[in-house]
Amino acid sequence: MVKIIKDFIPKSNRNRPGNYMKPLYITVHNTANTAKGANAASHASFVKRSSTGVSWHYTVDENVIYQHLPLNENGWHAGDGRGTGNMKSIGIEICENADGNFEKAVENAQWVIRQLMKEQGIPFANVVPHKRWSGKECPRKLLNRWD
């Protein structure tokens, strides 16, 4: 079991739209941030800034998982505007910081995905890469082994 820290984006931020969501999908991303120190805590700070325009539900590293949004609210992570990716999917970012253990972060992401599938009734077929919604090569470090 991995520790999940609830550290929600302030309701006043524009990247927390507050739209009701019944999640039907789980969308997996890589942060594309390879800087040292770019772990889950660092991304939690980033997503809470009032100037940040994107949002997602969880950031996962090798040690911990941060939750940024309630599961019944949408985020801005899929690149499809008000499409299904943003409006009906839980966004999970997997850290790829140079000083982290990426494979352990992937294991932790798999663990939380299994929990969410069970709790939310989301079938495995609806666990999808970001690329599904916008065509972006994401999660870039996992696409070549997605299946």
N, C-alpha and C. Protein backbone atom coordinates (compact mmCIF):
# COMPACT_ATOMS: atom_id res chain seq x y z
N MET A 1 0.84 -1.19 0.00
CA MET A 1 0.00 0.00 0.00
C MET A 1 0.88 1.25 0.00
N VAL A 2 0.54 2.19 -0.83
CA VAL A 2 1.29 3.43 -0.97
C VAL A 2 0.50 4.54 -0.28
N LYS A 3 1.23 5.41 0.40
CA LYS A 3 0.57 6.53 1.08
C LYS A 3 0.01 7.51 0.06
N ILE A 4 -1.27 7.86 0.24
CA ILE A 4 -1.91 8.88 -0.60
C ILE A 4 -2.14 10.12 0.24
N ILE A 5 -1.59 11.22 -0.20
CA ILE A 5 -1.73 12.51 0.49
C ILE A 5 -2.75 13.34 -0.28
N LYS A 6 -3.84 13.70 0.37
CA LYS A 6 -4.84 14.57 -0.26
C LYS A 6 -4.37 16.01 -0.08
N ASP A 7 -4.06 16.66 -1.18
CA ASP A 7 -3.54 18.03 -1.19
C ASP A 7 -4.21 18.73 -2.36
N PHE A 8 -5.49 19.10 -2.16
CA PHE A 8 -6.33 19.58 -3.25
C PHE A 8 -5.96 20.98 -3.73
N ILE A 9 -6.15 21.16 -5.03
CA ILE A 9 -6.01 22.47 -5.66
C ILE A 9 -7.09 23.37 -5.05
N PRO A 10 -6.74 24.62 -4.70
CA PRO A 10 -7.76 25.51 -4.14
C PRO A 10 -8.95 25.69 -5.08
N LYS A 11 -10.14 25.74 -4.51
CA LYS A 11 -11.36 25.89 -5.31
C LYS A 11 -11.37 27.19 -6.11
N SER A 12 -10.61 28.18 -5.68
CA SER A 12 -10.57 29.46 -6.37
C SER A 12 -9.69 29.44 -7.62
N ASN A 13 -8.88 28.41 -7.80
CA ASN A 13 -8.00 28.34 -8.97
C ASN A 13 -8.78 28.03 -10.24
N ARG A 14 -8.34 28.61 -11.35
CA ARG A 14 -9.00 28.37 -12.63
C ARG A 14 -8.76 26.95 -13.14
N ASN A 15 -7.71 26.28 -12.64
CA ASN A 15 -7.45 24.91 -13.07
C ASN A 15 -8.22 23.88 -12.23
N ARG A 16 -9.09 24.37 -11.35
CA ARG A 16 -10.03 23.49 -10.65
C ARG A 16 -11.44 23.94 -11.04
N PRO A 17 -11.93 23.42 -12.17
CA PRO A 17 -13.20 23.91 -12.71
C PRO A 17 -14.42 23.58 -11.86
N GLY A 18 -14.35 22.50 -11.07
CA GLY A 18 -15.47 22.17 -10.19
C GLY A 18 -16.65 21.53 -10.90
N ASN A 19 -16.48 21.12 -12.15
CA ASN A 19 -17.56 20.44 -12.86
C ASN A 19 -17.75 19.03 -12.31
N TYR A 20 -18.99 18.64 -12.10
CA TYR A 20 -19.27 17.29 -11.62
C TYR A 20 -18.82 16.27 -12.66
N MET A 21 -18.24 15.17 -12.18
CA MET A 21 -17.77 14.12 -13.06
C MET A 21 -18.09 12.75 -12.46
N LYS A 22 -18.62 11.87 -13.28
CA LYS A 22 -18.71 10.44 -12.95
C LYS A 22 -17.65 9.77 -13.81
N PRO A 23 -16.49 9.41 -13.22
CA PRO A 23 -15.40 8.89 -14.04
C PRO A 23 -15.72 7.56 -14.71
N LEU A 24 -15.43 7.51 -16.01
CA LEU A 24 -15.60 6.28 -16.79
C LEU A 24 -14.27 5.73 -17.27
N TYR A 25 -13.22 6.56 -17.20
CA TYR A 25 -11.89 6.19 -17.67
C TYR A 25 -10.83 6.60 -16.64
N ILE A 26 -9.65 6.00 -16.80
CA ILE A 26 -8.45 6.43 -16.10
C ILE A 26 -7.43 6.72 -17.19
N THR A 27 -6.89 7.93 -17.20
CA THR A 27 -5.94 8.35 -18.21
C THR A 27 -4.55 8.46 -17.58
N VAL A 28 -3.59 7.77 -18.20
CA VAL A 28 -2.22 7.71 -17.66
C VAL A 28 -1.31 8.64 -18.46
N HIS A 29 -0.52 9.39 -17.71
CA HIS A 29 0.43 10.35 -18.27
C HIS A 29 1.82 10.12 -17.66
N ASN A 30 2.85 10.62 -18.34
CA ASN A 30 4.16 10.86 -17.72
C ASN A 30 4.30 12.36 -17.58
N THR A 31 4.98 12.79 -16.54
CA THR A 31 5.11 14.23 -16.30
C THR A 31 5.96 14.93 -17.36
N ALA A 32 6.85 14.19 -18.03
CA ALA A 32 7.80 14.78 -18.99
C ALA A 32 8.71 15.80 -18.32
N ASN A 33 8.86 15.67 -17.01
CA ASN A 33 9.74 16.56 -16.23
C ASN A 33 10.83 15.69 -15.63
N THR A 34 12.01 15.72 -16.25
CA THR A 34 13.12 14.86 -15.81
C THR A 34 14.07 15.57 -14.84
N ALA A 35 13.74 16.77 -14.42
CA ALA A 35 14.60 17.52 -13.51
C ALA A 35 14.74 16.79 -12.17
N LYS A 36 15.90 16.91 -11.57
CA LYS A 36 16.07 16.37 -10.21
C LYS A 36 15.10 17.10 -9.29
N GLY A 37 14.47 16.36 -8.41
CA GLY A 37 13.52 16.96 -7.47
C GLY A 37 12.11 17.09 -8.00
N ALA A 38 11.88 16.72 -9.26
CA ALA A 38 10.54 16.84 -9.86
C ALA A 38 9.69 15.62 -9.49
N ASN A 39 9.49 15.48 -8.18
CA ASN A 39 8.73 14.34 -7.65
C ASN A 39 7.27 14.73 -7.46
N ALA A 40 6.51 13.87 -6.79
CA ALA A 40 5.08 14.13 -6.61
C ALA A 40 4.83 15.39 -5.78
N ALA A 41 5.62 15.61 -4.75
CA ALA A 41 5.45 16.82 -3.93
C ALA A 41 5.69 18.08 -4.76
N SER A 42 6.70 18.05 -5.61
CA SER A 42 7.00 19.20 -6.47
C SER A 42 5.84 19.48 -7.43
N HIS A 43 5.27 18.43 -8.00
CA HIS A 43 4.13 18.62 -8.91
C HIS A 43 2.88 19.05 -8.16
N ALA A 44 2.74 18.63 -6.91
CA ALA A 44 1.61 19.10 -6.09
C ALA A 44 1.70 20.60 -5.89
N SER A 45 2.90 21.11 -5.66
CA SER A 45 3.09 22.56 -5.52
C SER A 45 2.78 23.27 -6.83
N PHE A 46 3.26 22.70 -7.95
CA PHE A 46 3.04 23.30 -9.26
C PHE A 46 1.54 23.43 -9.57
N VAL A 47 0.80 22.35 -9.38
CA VAL A 47 -0.60 22.33 -9.79
C VAL A 47 -1.48 23.23 -8.90
N LYS A 48 -0.98 23.57 -7.72
CA LYS A 48 -1.74 24.44 -6.81
C LYS A 48 -1.50 25.93 -7.07
N ARG A 49 -0.53 26.26 -7.92
CA ARG A 49 -0.28 27.68 -8.24
C ARG A 49 -1.48 28.25 -8.98
N SER A 50 -1.82 29.48 -8.69
CA SER A 50 -2.98 30.11 -9.35
C SER A 50 -2.73 30.33 -10.84
N SER A 51 -1.48 30.34 -11.26
CA SER A 51 -1.15 30.58 -12.66
C SER A 51 -1.15 29.29 -13.51
N THR A 52 -1.25 28.14 -12.87
CA THR A 52 -1.21 26.87 -13.60
C THR A 52 -2.54 26.63 -14.30
N GLY A 53 -2.46 26.26 -15.57
CA GLY A 53 -3.68 26.09 -16.36
C GLY A 53 -4.15 24.66 -16.52
N VAL A 54 -3.35 23.70 -16.05
CA VAL A 54 -3.70 22.28 -16.18
C VAL A 54 -3.93 21.68 -14.80
N SER A 55 -4.62 20.54 -14.78
CA SER A 55 -4.85 19.85 -13.52
C SER A 55 -5.13 18.37 -13.79
N TRP A 56 -4.87 17.57 -12.80
CA TRP A 56 -5.11 16.13 -12.87
C TRP A 56 -5.41 15.65 -11.46
N HIS A 57 -5.73 14.40 -11.32
CA HIS A 57 -6.19 13.88 -10.03
C HIS A 57 -5.07 13.37 -9.13
N TYR A 58 -4.09 12.68 -9.71
CA TYR A 58 -3.00 12.10 -8.90
C TYR A 58 -1.66 12.31 -9.56
N THR A 59 -0.63 12.53 -8.72
CA THR A 59 0.76 12.47 -9.16
C THR A 59 1.42 11.38 -8.34
N VAL A 60 2.14 10.49 -9.03
CA VAL A 60 2.73 9.31 -8.41
C VAL A 60 4.24 9.34 -8.59
N ASP A 61 4.98 9.12 -7.50
CA ASP A 61 6.42 8.89 -7.61
C ASP A 61 6.75 7.57 -6.92
N GLU A 62 8.02 7.32 -6.66
CA GLU A 62 8.41 6.02 -6.10
C GLU A 62 8.08 5.86 -4.62
N ASN A 63 7.71 6.95 -3.96
CA ASN A 63 7.47 6.89 -2.52
C ASN A 63 6.04 7.20 -2.09
N VAL A 64 5.36 8.04 -2.85
CA VAL A 64 4.08 8.59 -2.38
C VAL A 64 3.19 8.96 -3.57
N ILE A 65 1.91 9.12 -3.28
CA ILE A 65 0.94 9.57 -4.28
C ILE A 65 0.24 10.80 -3.71
N TYR A 66 0.17 11.87 -4.49
CA TYR A 66 -0.59 13.06 -4.11
C TYR A 66 -1.88 13.08 -4.89
N GLN A 67 -2.98 13.37 -4.21
CA GLN A 67 -4.26 13.58 -4.88
C GLN A 67 -4.55 15.06 -4.90
N HIS A 68 -4.85 15.59 -6.11
CA HIS A 68 -5.03 17.03 -6.29
C HIS A 68 -6.48 17.46 -6.47
N LEU A 69 -7.33 16.54 -6.89
CA LEU A 69 -8.75 16.83 -7.15
C LEU A 69 -9.61 15.70 -6.60
N PRO A 70 -10.82 16.02 -6.14
CA PRO A 70 -11.75 14.95 -5.80
C PRO A 70 -12.10 14.16 -7.06
N LEU A 71 -12.46 12.91 -6.89
CA LEU A 71 -12.74 12.05 -8.05
C LEU A 71 -14.05 12.38 -8.74
N ASN A 72 -14.87 13.20 -8.10
CA ASN A 72 -16.15 13.59 -8.72
C ASN A 72 -16.06 14.96 -9.39
N GLU A 73 -14.84 15.45 -9.60
CA GLU A 73 -14.61 16.70 -10.34
C GLU A 73 -13.65 16.43 -11.48
N ASN A 74 -13.87 17.09 -12.62
CA ASN A 74 -12.97 16.89 -13.75
C ASN A 74 -11.71 17.72 -13.60
N GLY A 75 -10.70 17.34 -14.34
CA GLY A 75 -9.46 18.11 -14.44
C GLY A 75 -9.22 18.50 -15.88
N TRP A 76 -8.15 19.26 -16.09
CA TRP A 76 -7.75 19.68 -17.45
C TRP A 76 -6.42 18.99 -17.77
N HIS A 77 -6.47 17.73 -18.17
CA HIS A 77 -5.25 16.95 -18.38
C HIS A 77 -5.19 16.23 -19.72
N ALA A 78 -6.30 16.06 -20.41
CA ALA A 78 -6.33 15.16 -21.56
C ALA A 78 -6.11 15.87 -22.90
N GLY A 79 -6.18 17.18 -22.93
CA GLY A 79 -5.95 17.90 -24.17
C GLY A 79 -7.10 17.80 -25.16
N ASP A 80 -8.30 17.48 -24.67
CA ASP A 80 -9.45 17.36 -25.57
C ASP A 80 -10.59 18.30 -25.20
N GLY A 81 -10.23 19.44 -24.58
CA GLY A 81 -11.24 20.44 -24.23
C GLY A 81 -12.31 19.86 -23.31
N ARG A 82 -13.56 19.95 -23.73
CA ARG A 82 -14.66 19.40 -22.93
C ARG A 82 -15.05 18.00 -23.41
N GLY A 83 -14.07 17.31 -24.00
CA GLY A 83 -14.29 15.95 -24.46
C GLY A 83 -14.24 14.94 -23.32
N THR A 84 -14.39 13.69 -23.67
CA THR A 84 -14.45 12.61 -22.68
C THR A 84 -13.20 12.51 -21.84
N GLY A 85 -12.02 12.76 -22.43
CA GLY A 85 -10.77 12.66 -21.68
C GLY A 85 -10.73 13.56 -20.47
N ASN A 86 -11.10 14.82 -20.65
CA ASN A 86 -11.13 15.75 -19.52
C ASN A 86 -12.37 15.58 -18.65
N MET A 87 -13.51 15.36 -19.27
CA MET A 87 -14.77 15.42 -18.54
C MET A 87 -15.20 14.10 -17.90
N LYS A 88 -14.56 12.98 -18.29
CA LYS A 88 -14.99 11.68 -17.78
C LYS A 88 -13.84 10.77 -17.38
N SER A 89 -12.63 11.34 -17.18
CA SER A 89 -11.52 10.46 -16.81
C SER A 89 -10.69 11.02 -15.67
N ILE A 90 -10.20 10.09 -14.87
CA ILE A 90 -9.28 10.38 -13.77
C ILE A 90 -7.88 10.47 -14.36
N GLY A 91 -7.22 11.59 -14.15
CA GLY A 91 -5.86 11.80 -14.68
C GLY A 91 -4.80 11.42 -13.66
N ILE A 92 -3.86 10.58 -14.11
CA ILE A 92 -2.76 10.14 -13.26
C ILE A 92 -1.44 10.46 -13.96
N GLU A 93 -0.61 11.25 -13.29
CA GLU A 93 0.72 11.60 -13.79
C GLU A 93 1.76 10.77 -13.05
N ILE A 94 2.65 10.12 -13.82
CA ILE A 94 3.74 9.34 -13.24
C ILE A 94 5.02 10.14 -13.39
N CYS A 95 5.70 10.40 -12.26
CA CYS A 95 6.92 11.19 -12.26
C CYS A 95 8.05 10.44 -12.96
N GLU A 96 8.91 11.21 -13.62
CA GLU A 96 10.08 10.65 -14.28
C GLU A 96 11.32 11.49 -13.97
N ASN A 97 11.37 12.04 -12.75
CA ASN A 97 12.51 12.84 -12.32
C ASN A 97 13.80 12.01 -12.31
N ALA A 98 14.91 12.65 -12.67
CA ALA A 98 16.20 11.98 -12.81
C ALA A 98 16.67 11.34 -11.50
N ASP A 99 16.29 11.89 -10.38
CA ASP A 99 16.72 11.34 -9.09
C ASP A 99 15.67 10.41 -8.47
N GLY A 100 14.71 9.97 -9.27
CA GLY A 100 13.67 9.07 -8.78
C GLY A 100 13.81 7.69 -9.40
N ASN A 101 13.02 6.76 -8.91
CA ASN A 101 13.00 5.40 -9.43
C ASN A 101 11.73 5.25 -10.27
N PHE A 102 11.87 5.41 -11.58
CA PHE A 102 10.71 5.40 -12.47
C PHE A 102 9.94 4.09 -12.41
N GLU A 103 10.63 2.98 -12.42
CA GLU A 103 9.93 1.68 -12.40
C GLU A 103 9.12 1.50 -11.12
N LYS A 104 9.64 1.98 -10.01
CA LYS A 104 8.88 1.91 -8.75
C LYS A 104 7.68 2.85 -8.82
N ALA A 105 7.84 4.00 -9.44
CA ALA A 105 6.71 4.92 -9.62
C ALA A 105 5.63 4.27 -10.48
N VAL A 106 6.03 3.54 -11.51
CA VAL A 106 5.06 2.82 -12.35
C VAL A 106 4.32 1.78 -11.53
N GLU A 107 5.05 1.04 -10.70
CA GLU A 107 4.40 0.04 -9.81
C GLU A 107 3.38 0.71 -8.90
N ASN A 108 3.73 1.86 -8.34
CA ASN A 108 2.81 2.59 -7.47
C ASN A 108 1.59 3.07 -8.24
N ALA A 109 1.81 3.50 -9.49
CA ALA A 109 0.68 3.92 -10.33
C ALA A 109 -0.23 2.74 -10.61
N GLN A 110 0.35 1.59 -10.90
CA GLN A 110 -0.45 0.39 -11.16
C GLN A 110 -1.29 0.05 -9.92
N TRP A 111 -0.70 0.20 -8.76
CA TRP A 111 -1.42 -0.09 -7.51
C TRP A 111 -2.64 0.83 -7.38
N VAL A 112 -2.45 2.15 -7.55
CA VAL A 112 -3.57 3.07 -7.39
C VAL A 112 -4.60 2.88 -8.49
N ILE A 113 -4.15 2.55 -9.69
CA ILE A 113 -5.09 2.28 -10.79
C ILE A 113 -5.98 1.09 -10.44
N ARG A 114 -5.40 0.03 -9.90
CA ARG A 114 -6.21 -1.13 -9.50
C ARG A 114 -7.24 -0.74 -8.44
N GLN A 115 -6.84 0.09 -7.48
CA GLN A 115 -7.76 0.55 -6.44
C GLN A 115 -8.91 1.34 -7.06
N LEU A 116 -8.57 2.24 -7.96
CA LEU A 116 -9.58 3.10 -8.59
C LEU A 116 -10.53 2.29 -9.47
N MET A 117 -9.99 1.31 -10.19
CA MET A 117 -10.84 0.45 -11.02
C MET A 117 -11.90 -0.23 -10.16
N LYS A 118 -11.45 -0.75 -9.02
CA LYS A 118 -12.37 -1.45 -8.12
C LYS A 118 -13.39 -0.49 -7.51
N GLU A 119 -12.92 0.62 -6.97
CA GLU A 119 -13.80 1.59 -6.28
C GLU A 119 -14.78 2.27 -7.23
N GLN A 120 -14.34 2.58 -8.44
CA GLN A 120 -15.15 3.35 -9.38
C GLN A 120 -15.86 2.48 -10.42
N GLY A 121 -15.57 1.18 -10.42
CA GLY A 121 -16.19 0.28 -11.40
C GLY A 121 -15.71 0.54 -12.82
N ILE A 122 -14.44 0.89 -12.97
CA ILE A 122 -13.87 1.19 -14.28
C ILE A 122 -13.20 -0.07 -14.83
N PRO A 123 -13.62 -0.54 -16.01
CA PRO A 123 -13.00 -1.74 -16.57
C PRO A 123 -11.58 -1.48 -17.07
N PHE A 124 -10.79 -2.55 -17.12
CA PHE A 124 -9.40 -2.45 -17.57
C PHE A 124 -9.30 -1.82 -18.96
N ALA A 125 -10.26 -2.13 -19.84
CA ALA A 125 -10.25 -1.57 -21.20
C ALA A 125 -10.34 -0.04 -21.19
N ASN A 126 -10.80 0.55 -20.08
CA ASN A 126 -10.95 2.00 -19.98
C ASN A 126 -9.78 2.66 -19.23
N VAL A 127 -8.69 1.92 -19.05
CA VAL A 127 -7.44 2.50 -18.56
C VAL A 127 -6.63 2.79 -19.82
N VAL A 128 -6.47 4.08 -20.13
CA VAL A 128 -5.96 4.47 -21.44
C VAL A 128 -4.79 5.45 -21.33
N PRO A 129 -3.95 5.49 -22.37
CA PRO A 129 -2.89 6.50 -22.40
C PRO A 129 -3.46 7.85 -22.81
N HIS A 130 -2.80 8.90 -22.38
CA HIS A 130 -3.16 10.27 -22.76
C HIS A 130 -3.31 10.37 -24.28
N LYS A 131 -2.46 9.66 -25.01
CA LYS A 131 -2.49 9.69 -26.48
C LYS A 131 -3.88 9.39 -27.03
N ARG A 132 -4.67 8.60 -26.32
CA ARG A 132 -6.02 8.23 -26.76
C ARG A 132 -6.88 9.47 -27.03
N TRP A 133 -6.72 10.51 -26.22
CA TRP A 133 -7.60 11.68 -26.29
C TRP A 133 -7.08 12.77 -27.22
N SER A 134 -5.78 12.99 -27.25
CA SER A 134 -5.27 14.15 -27.98
C SER A 134 -4.24 13.81 -29.06
N GLY A 135 -3.78 12.56 -29.08
CA GLY A 135 -2.74 12.19 -30.02
C GLY A 135 -1.34 12.48 -29.52
N LYS A 136 -1.21 13.15 -28.37
CA LYS A 136 0.10 13.47 -27.82
C LYS A 136 0.85 12.18 -27.46
N GLU A 137 2.14 12.14 -27.70
CA GLU A 137 2.96 10.96 -27.38
C GLU A 137 3.15 10.87 -25.87
N CYS A 138 2.12 10.47 -25.20
CA CYS A 138 2.11 10.43 -23.73
C CYS A 138 1.22 9.28 -23.29
N PRO A 139 1.64 8.51 -22.32
CA PRO A 139 2.86 8.60 -21.51
C PRO A 139 4.09 8.12 -22.28
N ARG A 140 4.95 9.05 -22.58
CA ARG A 140 6.06 8.82 -23.51
C ARG A 140 6.97 7.66 -23.12
N LYS A 141 7.14 7.41 -21.83
CA LYS A 141 8.03 6.33 -21.41
C LYS A 141 7.31 4.98 -21.30
N LEU A 142 6.01 4.96 -21.56
CA LEU A 142 5.25 3.72 -21.44
C LEU A 142 4.56 3.29 -22.73
N LEU A 143 4.44 4.17 -23.71
CA LEU A 143 3.70 3.83 -24.93
C LEU A 143 4.26 2.60 -25.64
N ASN A 144 5.58 2.46 -25.64
CA ASN A 144 6.19 1.33 -26.37
C ASN A 144 5.95 -0.01 -25.67
N ARG A 145 5.41 0.02 -24.46
CA ARG A 145 5.09 -1.22 -23.75
C ARG A 145 3.69 -1.18 -23.15
N TRP A 146 2.81 -0.37 -23.74
CA TRP A 146 1.48 -0.15 -23.17
C TRP A 146 0.71 -1.43 -22.97
N ASP A 147 0.67 -2.31 -23.97
CA ASP A 147 -0.15 -3.51 -23.84
C ASP A 147 0.50 -4.52 -22.91
